[in-house]
Amino acid sequence: MFSGKIVEVGRPLNLFRNPQAGATQALVGAVLSVEAGLAGNALA
């Protein structure tokens, strides 16, 4: 959702692997992962 409107729908795995909408891309990019933490890219 962006500004109260649905901008993208689909299967969760597809949305995480190949987001099309800018709002979805930003949300997926903001998610921390175990891999990022192991690479030293975690919140302090």
Protein backbone atom coordinates (compact mmCIF):
# COMPACT_ATOMS: atom_id res chain seq x y z
CA MET A 1 0.00 0.00 0.00
CA PHE A 2 1.03 3.55 -0.64
CA SER A 3 -0.97 6.57 0.46
CA GLY A 4 -3.84 4.27 1.44
CA LYS A 5 -4.03 2.55 -1.95
CA ILE A 6 -2.98 -0.94 -2.99
CA VAL A 7 -0.08 -0.62 -5.43
CA GLU A 8 0.83 -4.28 -5.90
CA VAL A 9 -0.75 -7.66 -5.26
CA GLY A 10 0.59 -11.17 -5.69
CA ARG A 11 1.97 -14.21 -3.98
CA PRO A 12 4.22 -13.20 -1.08
CA LEU A 13 7.28 -15.04 -2.39
CA ASN A 14 6.92 -13.34 -5.79
CA LEU A 15 6.53 -9.93 -4.16
CA PHE A 16 9.69 -10.41 -2.10
CA ARG A 17 11.75 -11.79 -4.98
CA ASN A 18 10.56 -9.47 -7.75
CA PRO A 19 8.78 -6.36 -6.44
CA GLN A 20 7.54 -4.08 -9.22
CA ALA A 21 6.04 -1.08 -7.42
CA GLY A 22 8.40 1.46 -5.90
CA ALA A 23 6.65 1.24 -2.53
CA THR A 24 7.05 -2.55 -2.49
CA GLN A 25 10.71 -2.27 -3.47
CA ALA A 26 11.34 0.18 -0.61
CA LEU A 27 9.55 -2.05 1.89
CA VAL A 28 11.42 -5.17 0.82
CA GLY A 29 14.70 -3.24 0.89
CA ALA A 30 14.06 -2.17 4.47
CA VAL A 31 13.70 -5.72 5.79
CA LEU A 32 16.71 -6.93 7.76
CA SER A 33 17.89 -10.45 7.07
CA VAL A 34 20.16 -12.95 8.76
CA GLU A 35 22.47 -12.78 5.76
CA ALA A 36 22.79 -8.99 6.08
CA GLY A 37 23.60 -9.32 9.77
CA LEU A 38 26.27 -11.91 9.10
CA ALA A 39 27.75 -9.61 6.47
CA GLY A 40 28.03 -6.83 9.08
CA ASN A 41 25.03 -4.83 7.84
CA ALA A 42 22.90 -5.00 10.98
CA LEU A 43 21.55 -2.31 13.25
CA ALA A 44 23.86 -1.51 16.15
